[in-house]
Amino acid sequence: RQAIMAYNTMQAKIQQFIAERTLMLASISHDLRAPLTRIRLRCEFIEDIDQQRKLIRDTDEMQSMINSALGFFRDETLREQATSFDLSELLQTVIDDYSDQGIDVVFSGPAHLVYFGRPVGIKRMTANLLENAVKYARHPRIELINGQTSVCIEVSDEGPGIADSELENVFVPFFRLEPSRNRDSGGVGLGLSSARAMARQHGGELLLRNRMGGGLIAQVELPHGAINRTGSAEGA
């Protein structure tokens, strides 16, 4: 009994530490906005057009990073209430969003699959993974597999893949494989971090592996019953 109480106390302290750290980082990101805005305005008065263009580009990139960081730290989907929903239909809505843009995404899996979790968070997680497949590769595909103890969502493509040595590094916030590519596409390196955070909120995991023949597979494992009816992960 004492061991259980000690464990619960430790868990509570860890959660409090994480919450305080997240609040601090969000506050810092917010406070950076004002001086960055002033710098951006002063750039308009630089006479050297080439230097002005470069400085404006850099400040806009920094602004994008700050905005993304604030969204990441304040992500409301991490506090979303869990509910039962049709996971197959939810994935289809993600695919439909791309179909409206003329981008074909292949889906394979059961027509219906009821899952208990955070639908908005899972949709955003899947959209982040699919966005990478669409931006940097071709022939994007989503596969849904229903196992005995978990469901698996696989987002794959037929692109260049990622060097094996970088498969974990890409989950580090703001990490970039190719800075110029991310700058041109508008990414700041938080999509995969956010996606993994959501998978872990469900007691699951997100892993990347290279596909034989070329391409990348993002595999999300979501255990059945990992989130209890109060909306928190079992064992948390």
Protein backbone atom coordinates (compact mmCIF):
# COMPACT_ATOMS: atom_id res chain seq x y z
CA ARG A 1 0.00 0.00 0.00
CA GLN A 2 2.81 2.41 0.87
CA ALA A 3 4.55 1.57 -2.39
CA ILE A 4 1.37 2.40 -4.34
CA MET A 5 0.97 5.71 -2.50
CA ALA A 6 4.62 6.58 -3.14
CA TYR A 7 4.22 5.72 -6.83
CA ASN A 8 1.07 7.86 -7.15
CA THR A 9 2.80 10.76 -5.39
CA MET A 10 5.76 10.48 -7.74
CA GLN A 11 3.45 10.41 -10.79
CA ALA A 12 1.62 13.51 -9.54
CA LYS A 13 4.90 15.38 -9.06
CA ILE A 14 6.09 14.40 -12.53
CA GLN A 15 2.83 15.60 -14.10
CA GLN A 16 3.09 18.88 -12.18
CA PHE A 17 6.69 19.35 -13.32
CA ILE A 18 5.71 18.72 -16.96
CA ALA A 19 2.78 21.14 -16.69
CA GLU A 20 4.96 23.87 -15.15
CA ARG A 21 7.70 23.39 -17.74
CA THR A 22 5.18 23.51 -20.59
CA LEU A 23 3.65 26.70 -19.19
CA MET A 24 7.08 28.29 -18.87
CA LEU A 25 8.05 27.42 -22.45
CA ALA A 26 4.72 28.69 -23.75
CA SER A 27 5.23 31.96 -21.86
CA ILE A 28 8.72 32.39 -23.29
CA SER A 29 7.44 31.75 -26.82
CA HIS A 30 4.67 34.29 -26.29
CA ASP A 31 7.07 36.94 -24.93
CA LEU A 32 9.31 36.58 -27.99
CA ARG A 33 6.54 37.77 -30.28
CA ALA A 34 6.76 41.48 -29.38
CA PRO A 35 10.50 42.01 -30.03
CA LEU A 36 10.30 39.90 -33.17
CA THR A 37 7.47 42.08 -34.48
CA ARG A 38 9.61 45.18 -33.87
CA ILE A 39 12.52 43.62 -35.73
CA ARG A 40 10.21 42.77 -38.62
CA LEU A 41 9.01 46.38 -38.84
CA ARG A 42 12.58 47.74 -38.77
CA CYS A 43 13.48 45.47 -41.66
CA GLU A 44 11.15 47.52 -43.85
CA PHE A 45 13.51 50.51 -43.54
CA ILE A 46 16.66 48.71 -44.71
CA GLU A 47 17.81 50.26 -47.99
CA ASP A 48 19.75 47.25 -49.25
CA ILE A 49 16.94 45.31 -50.93
CA ASP A 50 18.82 42.00 -50.94
CA GLN A 51 19.66 42.23 -47.23
CA GLN A 52 16.12 43.37 -46.49
CA ARG A 53 14.68 40.34 -48.27
CA LYS A 54 16.95 37.94 -46.37
CA LEU A 55 16.19 39.49 -42.97
CA ILE A 56 12.45 39.52 -43.62
CA ARG A 57 12.62 35.87 -44.67
CA ASP A 58 14.48 34.95 -41.47
CA THR A 59 12.16 36.91 -39.18
CA ASP A 60 9.11 35.39 -40.87
CA GLU A 61 10.61 31.95 -40.34
CA MET A 62 11.23 32.72 -36.66
CA GLN A 63 7.65 33.97 -36.32
CA SER A 64 6.40 30.74 -37.84
CA MET A 65 8.48 28.71 -35.39
CA ILE A 66 7.15 30.70 -32.43
CA ASN A 67 3.55 30.32 -33.59
CA SER A 68 4.06 26.59 -34.06
CA ALA A 69 5.69 26.28 -30.65
CA LEU A 70 2.77 28.04 -28.98
CA GLY A 71 0.35 25.75 -30.75
CA PHE A 72 2.39 22.72 -29.70
CA PHE A 73 2.66 23.72 -26.03
CA ARG A 74 -1.00 24.72 -25.82
CA ASP A 75 -2.33 21.80 -27.84
CA GLU A 76 -5.91 21.42 -26.64
CA THR A 77 -6.19 17.97 -28.24
CA LEU A 78 -3.93 16.62 -25.48
CA ARG A 79 -6.75 17.48 -23.05
CA GLU A 80 -9.58 16.41 -25.33
CA GLN A 81 -12.20 14.17 -23.75
CA ALA A 82 -12.07 10.57 -24.95
CA THR A 83 -15.13 9.08 -26.64
CA SER A 84 -16.16 6.13 -28.80
CA PHE A 85 -15.97 6.85 -32.53
CA ASP A 86 -15.59 5.11 -35.88
CA LEU A 87 -11.85 5.20 -36.61
CA SER A 88 -12.32 4.04 -40.22
CA GLU A 89 -14.71 6.88 -40.96
CA LEU A 90 -12.39 9.39 -39.27
CA LEU A 91 -9.45 8.30 -41.44
CA GLN A 92 -11.68 8.59 -44.49
CA THR A 93 -12.40 12.24 -43.64
CA VAL A 94 -8.64 12.90 -43.66
CA ILE A 95 -8.39 11.26 -47.08
CA ASP A 96 -11.39 13.24 -48.35
CA ASP A 97 -9.65 16.49 -47.39
CA TYR A 98 -6.85 15.58 -49.82
CA SER A 99 -9.25 14.31 -52.48
CA ASP A 100 -10.80 17.78 -52.51
CA GLN A 101 -7.32 19.07 -53.46
CA GLY A 102 -6.98 16.53 -56.28
CA ILE A 103 -4.59 14.30 -54.31
CA ASP A 104 -5.37 10.57 -54.30
CA VAL A 105 -4.71 8.67 -51.07
CA VAL A 106 -5.31 4.92 -51.03
CA PHE A 107 -7.07 3.45 -47.98
CA SER A 108 -7.17 -0.19 -46.93
CA GLY A 109 -8.79 -1.62 -43.82
CA PRO A 110 -12.19 -2.40 -42.33
CA ALA A 111 -15.14 -0.26 -43.40
CA HIS A 112 -16.01 0.35 -39.74
CA LEU A 113 -13.92 0.10 -36.58
CA VAL A 114 -15.10 1.53 -33.26
CA TYR A 115 -12.31 2.87 -31.05
CA PHE A 116 -12.33 4.71 -27.71
CA GLY A 117 -9.99 7.67 -27.75
CA ARG A 118 -9.57 11.33 -28.72
CA PRO A 119 -10.89 11.69 -32.29
CA VAL A 120 -9.71 15.26 -32.95
CA GLY A 121 -6.21 14.42 -31.73
CA ILE A 122 -6.02 11.21 -33.77
CA LYS A 123 -7.24 13.04 -36.87
CA ARG A 124 -4.59 15.74 -36.45
CA MET A 125 -1.92 13.09 -35.83
CA THR A 126 -2.87 11.22 -39.01
CA ALA A 127 -3.08 14.45 -41.01
CA ASN A 128 0.44 15.40 -39.90
CA LEU A 129 1.82 12.05 -41.05
CA LEU A 130 -0.07 12.17 -44.33
CA GLU A 131 1.08 15.73 -44.97
CA ASN A 132 4.71 14.58 -44.90
CA ALA A 133 3.93 11.74 -47.31
CA VAL A 134 2.22 14.13 -49.72
CA LYS A 135 4.91 16.84 -49.53
CA TYR A 136 8.02 14.75 -49.85
CA ALA A 137 6.92 11.59 -51.64
CA ARG A 138 4.33 10.04 -53.94
CA HIS A 139 1.57 7.42 -53.79
CA PRO A 140 0.49 8.10 -50.19
CA ARG A 141 -1.43 5.30 -48.51
CA ILE A 142 -3.22 4.72 -45.20
CA GLU A 143 -3.73 1.22 -43.84
CA LEU A 144 -5.82 0.41 -40.77
CA ILE A 145 -5.23 -2.92 -39.05
CA ASN A 146 -7.36 -4.18 -36.17
CA GLY A 147 -5.44 -6.53 -33.87
CA GLN A 148 -6.49 -8.36 -30.73
CA THR A 149 -4.84 -5.91 -28.33
CA SER A 150 -4.42 -2.80 -30.47
CA VAL A 151 -5.22 -1.01 -33.69
CA CYS A 152 -2.46 -0.01 -36.08
CA ILE A 153 -2.50 2.96 -38.45
CA GLU A 154 0.20 2.89 -41.12
CA VAL A 155 0.86 5.89 -43.35
CA SER A 156 3.25 4.96 -46.16
CA ASP A 157 4.65 6.46 -49.33
CA GLU A 158 7.04 5.70 -52.18
CA GLY A 159 9.44 8.57 -51.64
CA PRO A 160 13.15 8.78 -50.80
CA GLY A 161 12.72 7.64 -47.20
CA ILE A 162 14.94 8.77 -44.32
CA ALA A 163 18.45 7.66 -43.40
CA ASP A 164 18.26 5.00 -40.68
CA SER A 165 20.45 7.13 -38.43
CA GLU A 166 17.86 9.93 -38.54
CA LEU A 167 14.67 7.93 -37.93
CA GLU A 168 14.56 8.95 -34.26
CA ASN A 169 16.09 12.41 -34.65
CA VAL A 170 13.14 13.61 -36.73
CA PHE A 171 10.93 13.38 -33.62
CA VAL A 172 13.03 16.00 -31.82
CA PRO A 173 11.12 19.32 -31.82
CA PHE A 174 12.39 21.74 -34.53
CA PHE A 175 14.75 19.12 -36.01
CA ARG A 176 15.11 19.43 -39.77
CA LEU A 177 16.64 17.02 -42.24
CA GLU A 178 16.91 19.72 -44.92
CA PRO A 179 16.44 23.29 -43.66
CA SER A 180 15.82 24.73 -47.10
CA ARG A 181 13.17 22.14 -47.91
CA ASN A 182 11.30 22.79 -44.66
CA ARG A 183 11.51 26.55 -45.15
CA ASP A 184 10.03 26.33 -48.62
CA SER A 185 7.22 24.04 -47.50
CA GLY A 186 6.44 26.02 -44.36
CA GLY A 187 7.36 23.28 -41.88
CA VAL A 188 9.25 24.01 -38.68
CA GLY A 189 9.79 20.47 -37.39
CA LEU A 190 6.94 19.98 -34.90
CA GLY A 191 4.54 17.76 -36.85
CA LEU A 192 6.16 14.45 -35.94
CA SER A 193 6.75 15.53 -32.33
CA SER A 194 3.07 16.39 -32.00
CA ALA A 195 2.00 13.16 -33.68
CA ARG A 196 4.11 11.01 -31.36
CA ALA A 197 2.82 12.92 -28.32
CA MET A 198 -0.74 12.09 -29.33
CA ALA A 199 0.08 8.40 -29.87
CA ARG A 200 1.65 8.25 -26.42
CA GLN A 201 -1.35 10.03 -24.89
CA HIS A 202 -3.28 6.93 -25.97
CA GLY A 203 -0.72 4.61 -24.38
CA GLY A 204 0.63 3.83 -27.84
CA GLU A 205 3.68 4.62 -29.93
CA LEU A 206 4.67 6.11 -33.27
CA LEU A 207 7.67 4.66 -35.07
CA LEU A 208 9.19 5.22 -38.50
CA ARG A 209 10.85 2.67 -40.74
CA ASN A 210 12.04 2.67 -44.31
CA ARG A 211 10.00 0.72 -46.81
CA MET A 212 11.60 -2.00 -48.90
CA GLY A 213 11.78 -0.77 -52.47
CA GLY A 214 11.79 2.87 -51.39
CA GLY A 215 9.61 5.01 -49.21
CA LEU A 216 8.74 5.51 -45.57
CA ILE A 217 6.23 3.90 -43.23
CA ALA A 218 4.91 5.75 -40.19
CA GLN A 219 3.39 3.14 -37.88
CA VAL A 220 1.06 4.15 -35.06
CA GLU A 221 0.13 1.48 -32.52
CA LEU A 222 -2.90 2.35 -30.37
CA PRO A 223 -3.79 -0.21 -27.67
CA HIS A 224 -7.42 -1.09 -27.06
CA GLY A 225 -8.62 0.23 -23.70
CA ALA A 226 -5.45 2.25 -23.04
CA ILE A 227 -7.58 5.28 -22.20
CA ASN A 228 -10.12 4.76 -19.44
CA ARG A 229 -13.58 6.29 -19.30
CA THR A 230 -12.30 9.34 -17.43
CA GLY A 231 -10.19 10.23 -20.47
CA SER A 232 -6.76 9.50 -18.97
CA ALA A 233 -4.28 6.84 -20.05
CA GLU A 234 -4.32 3.66 -17.99
CA GLY A 235 -1.39 3.60 -15.59
CA ALA A 236 -0.86 7.36 -15.88
